[in-house]
């Protein structure tokens, strides 16, 4: 993955965690 793609995945992961809580 490129740096940009990795940042997008990280952001999505954080969003999913926030929704679970």
PDB file of N, CA and C in Angstrom:
ATOM      1  N   UNK A   1       0.840  -1.205   0.000  1.00  0.00           N
ATOM      2  CA  UNK A   1       0.000   0.000   0.000  1.00  0.00           C
ATOM      3  C   UNK A   1       0.874   1.253   0.000  1.00  0.00           C
ATOM      4  N   UNK A   2       0.319   2.319  -0.542  1.00  0.00           N
ATOM      5  CA  UNK A   2       1.042   3.591  -0.514  1.00  0.00           C
ATOM      6  C   UNK A   2       0.789   4.258   0.832  1.00  0.00           C
ATOM      7  N   UNK A   3       1.545   5.312   1.116  1.00  0.00           N
ATOM      8  CA  UNK A   3       1.350   6.002   2.401  1.00  0.00           C
ATOM      9  C   UNK A   3      -0.071   6.538   2.505  1.00  0.00           C
ATOM     10  N   UNK A   4      -0.591   7.062   1.399  1.00  0.00           N
ATOM     11  CA  UNK A   4      -1.947   7.619   1.404  1.00  0.00           C
ATOM     12  C   UNK A   4      -2.973   6.530   1.691  1.00  0.00           C
ATOM     13  N   UNK A   5      -2.826   5.391   1.015  1.00  0.00           N
ATOM     14  CA  UNK A   5      -3.767   4.289   1.219  1.00  0.00           C
ATOM     15  C   UNK A   5      -3.737   3.815   2.671  1.00  0.00           C
ATOM     16  N   UNK A   6      -2.527   3.752   3.253  1.00  0.00           N
ATOM     17  CA  UNK A   6      -2.409   3.303   4.633  1.00  0.00           C
ATOM     18  C   UNK A   6      -3.109   4.280   5.572  1.00  0.00           C
ATOM     19  N   UNK A   7      -2.972   5.578   5.282  1.00  0.00           N
ATOM     20  CA  UNK A   7      -3.636   6.585   6.125  1.00  0.00           C
ATOM     21  C   UNK A   7      -5.144   6.425   6.046  1.00  0.00           C
ATOM     22  N   UNK A   8      -5.657   6.144   4.850  1.00  0.00           N
ATOM     23  CA  UNK A   8      -7.106   5.966   4.675  1.00  0.00           C
ATOM     24  C   UNK A   8      -7.584   4.765   5.482  1.00  0.00           C
ATOM     25  N   UNK A   9      -6.839   3.660   5.405  1.00  0.00           N
ATOM     26  CA  UNK A   9      -7.225   2.459   6.141  1.00  0.00           C
ATOM     27  C   UNK A   9      -7.188   2.725   7.638  1.00  0.00           C
ATOM     28  N   UNK A  10      -6.176   3.441   8.102  1.00  0.00           N
ATOM     29  CA  UNK A  10      -6.073   3.756   9.527  1.00  0.00           C
ATOM     30  C   UNK A  10      -7.270   4.598   9.962  1.00  0.00           C
ATOM     31  N   UNK A  11      -7.638   5.570   9.151  1.00  0.00           N
ATOM     32  CA  UNK A  11      -8.757   6.450   9.488  1.00  0.00           C
ATOM     33  C   UNK A  11     -10.054   5.645   9.549  1.00  0.00           C
ATOM     34  N   UNK A  12     -10.242   4.737   8.610  1.00  0.00           N
ATOM     35  CA  UNK A  12     -11.456   3.917   8.593  1.00  0.00           C
ATOM     36  C   UNK A  12     -11.495   3.023   9.832  1.00  0.00           C
ATOM     37  N   UNK A  13     -10.341   2.492  10.202  1.00  0.00           N
ATOM     38  CA  UNK A  13     -10.273   1.627  11.380  1.00  0.00           C
ATOM     39  C   UNK A  13     -10.662   2.381  12.633  1.00  0.00           C
ATOM     40  N   UNK A  14     -10.187   3.613  12.759  1.00  0.00           N
ATOM     41  CA  UNK A  14     -10.523   4.419  13.940  1.00  0.00           C
ATOM     42  C   UNK A  14     -12.017   4.735  13.942  1.00  0.00           C
ATOM     43  N   UNK A  15     -12.580   4.995  12.787  1.00  0.00           N
ATOM     44  CA  UNK A  15     -14.005   5.319  12.689  1.00  0.00           C
ATOM     45  C   UNK A  15     -14.833   4.112  13.129  1.00  0.00           C
ATOM     46  N   UNK A  16     -14.417   2.920  12.704  1.00  0.00           N
ATOM     47  CA  UNK A  16     -15.143   1.706  13.075  1.00  0.00           C
ATOM     48  C   UNK A  16     -15.087   1.501  14.585  1.00  0.00           C
ATOM     49  N   UNK A  17     -13.924   1.752  15.190  1.00  0.00           N
ATOM     50  CA  UNK A  17     -13.780   1.577  16.634  1.00  0.00           C
ATOM     51  C   UNK A  17     -14.687   2.552  17.375  1.00  0.00           C
ATOM     52  N   UNK A  18     -14.781   3.783  16.874  1.00  0.00           N
ATOM     53  CA  UNK A  18     -15.611   4.800  17.518  1.00  0.00           C
ATOM     54  C   UNK A  18     -17.084   4.382  17.462  1.00  0.00           C
ATOM     55  N   UNK A  19     -17.499   3.791  16.362  1.00  0.00           N
ATOM     56  CA  UNK A  19     -18.893   3.370  16.212  1.00  0.00           C
ATOM     57  C   UNK A  19     -19.215   2.235  17.187  1.00  0.00           C
ATOM     58  N   UNK A  20     -18.247   1.342  17.389  1.00  0.00           N
ATOM     59  CA  UNK A  20     -18.471   0.214  18.290  1.00  0.00           C
ATOM     60  C   UNK A  20     -18.652   0.701  19.727  1.00  0.00           C
ATOM     61  N   UNK A  21     -17.959   1.772  20.079  1.00  0.00           N
ATOM     62  CA  UNK A  21     -18.040   2.298  21.448  1.00  0.00           C
ATOM     63  C   UNK A  21     -19.196   3.270  21.566  1.00  0.00           C
TER      64      UNK A  21
END
